[in-house]
């Protein structure tokens, strides 16, 4: 069972167990680390609703046909897989 993203926030103003929503995460823009720049780009993609919907539609198409969305244990959300895959490919 795969979800697009784990919507654990009921209210965007109050974080859940100390976790900030994606749009509230702050990065050091002076950092020379490549991961910071990649995460800033991914944050911008996530905050743009039109782009986010198109990314999610592509991710939904990539789910294997035999995978049930209603049964089984929950796997890693597709957004998390997308972020980790992007970081892996970008950072060698």
Protein backbone atom coordinates (compact mmCIF):
# COMPACT_ATOMS: atom_id res chain seq x y z
CA UNK A 1 0.00 0.00 0.00
CA UNK A 2 1.57 3.28 -1.11
CA UNK A 3 0.48 6.82 -0.38
CA UNK A 4 1.51 9.88 -2.35
CA UNK A 5 2.45 11.78 0.77
CA UNK A 6 1.86 11.24 4.45
CA UNK A 7 -0.62 13.95 5.46
CA UNK A 8 0.05 13.89 9.16
CA UNK A 9 -0.76 17.54 9.76
CA UNK A 10 -4.32 18.31 10.74
CA UNK A 11 -3.55 21.96 11.30
CA UNK A 12 -0.66 23.57 9.41
CA UNK A 13 -0.04 25.98 12.27
CA UNK A 14 0.80 23.33 14.88
CA UNK A 15 3.53 20.83 14.06
CA UNK A 16 3.02 17.15 14.76
CA UNK A 17 5.59 15.84 17.27
CA UNK A 18 8.04 18.61 16.45
CA UNK A 19 7.99 18.07 12.68
CA UNK A 20 7.63 21.17 10.53
CA UNK A 21 5.52 21.24 7.38
CA UNK A 22 7.58 21.30 4.18
CA UNK A 23 6.81 24.94 3.43
CA UNK A 24 8.04 26.08 6.87
CA UNK A 25 11.48 24.43 6.73
CA UNK A 26 14.24 27.05 6.55
CA UNK A 27 17.61 26.42 4.90
CA UNK A 28 20.88 28.33 5.10
CA UNK A 29 21.05 29.86 1.63
CA UNK A 30 24.71 30.77 2.15
CA UNK A 31 25.63 27.10 2.46
CA UNK A 32 27.86 25.74 -0.29
CA UNK A 33 26.55 22.21 0.19
CA UNK A 34 24.76 20.75 -2.84
CA UNK A 35 22.08 19.08 -0.71
CA UNK A 36 20.79 22.45 0.49
CA UNK A 37 20.29 23.69 -3.05
CA UNK A 38 18.51 20.49 -4.09
CA UNK A 39 16.20 20.61 -1.07
CA UNK A 40 15.40 24.26 -1.76
CA UNK A 41 14.39 23.29 -5.29
CA UNK A 42 12.26 20.39 -4.07
CA UNK A 43 10.62 22.66 -1.52
CA UNK A 44 9.77 25.12 -4.28
CA UNK A 45 8.31 22.30 -6.40
CA UNK A 46 6.20 21.15 -3.47
CA UNK A 47 4.91 24.65 -2.69
CA UNK A 48 3.74 25.20 -6.29
CA UNK A 49 0.37 23.40 -6.35
CA UNK A 50 0.19 23.02 -10.15
CA UNK A 51 3.65 21.45 -10.40
CA UNK A 52 3.04 19.30 -7.31
CA UNK A 53 -0.14 17.85 -8.84
CA UNK A 54 1.67 16.99 -12.07
CA UNK A 55 4.52 15.33 -10.12
CA UNK A 56 2.01 13.33 -8.08
CA UNK A 57 0.19 12.20 -11.23
CA UNK A 58 3.48 10.89 -12.67
CA UNK A 59 4.30 9.18 -9.37
CA UNK A 60 0.86 7.54 -9.31
CA UNK A 61 1.48 6.11 -12.78
CA UNK A 62 4.71 4.53 -11.55
CA UNK A 63 2.94 2.40 -8.92
CA UNK A 64 3.03 -1.24 -10.07
CA UNK A 65 -0.36 -2.53 -11.24
CA UNK A 66 -0.32 -5.42 -8.74
CA UNK A 67 0.11 -3.08 -5.77
CA UNK A 68 -3.08 -2.51 -3.78
CA UNK A 69 -3.69 0.99 -2.52
CA UNK A 70 -6.16 -0.28 0.08
CA UNK A 71 -4.56 -3.40 1.54
CA UNK A 72 -1.30 -4.31 3.18
CA UNK A 73 1.04 -2.42 5.40
CA UNK A 74 1.90 1.12 4.59
CA UNK A 75 5.07 1.62 2.65
CA UNK A 76 7.22 4.68 2.21
CA UNK A 77 5.21 7.57 0.73
CA UNK A 78 5.94 8.29 -2.94
CA UNK A 79 7.00 11.87 -2.17
CA UNK A 80 9.70 10.54 0.18
CA UNK A 81 10.89 8.11 -2.50
CA UNK A 82 10.98 11.00 -5.00
CA UNK A 83 13.03 13.21 -2.65
CA UNK A 84 15.49 10.45 -1.73
CA UNK A 85 15.86 9.41 -5.38
CA UNK A 86 16.50 12.99 -6.45
CA UNK A 87 19.13 13.41 -3.75
CA UNK A 88 20.79 10.12 -4.71
CA UNK A 89 20.97 11.00 -8.41
CA UNK A 90 22.09 14.57 -7.81
CA UNK A 91 24.80 13.80 -5.26
CA UNK A 92 26.20 10.72 -7.03
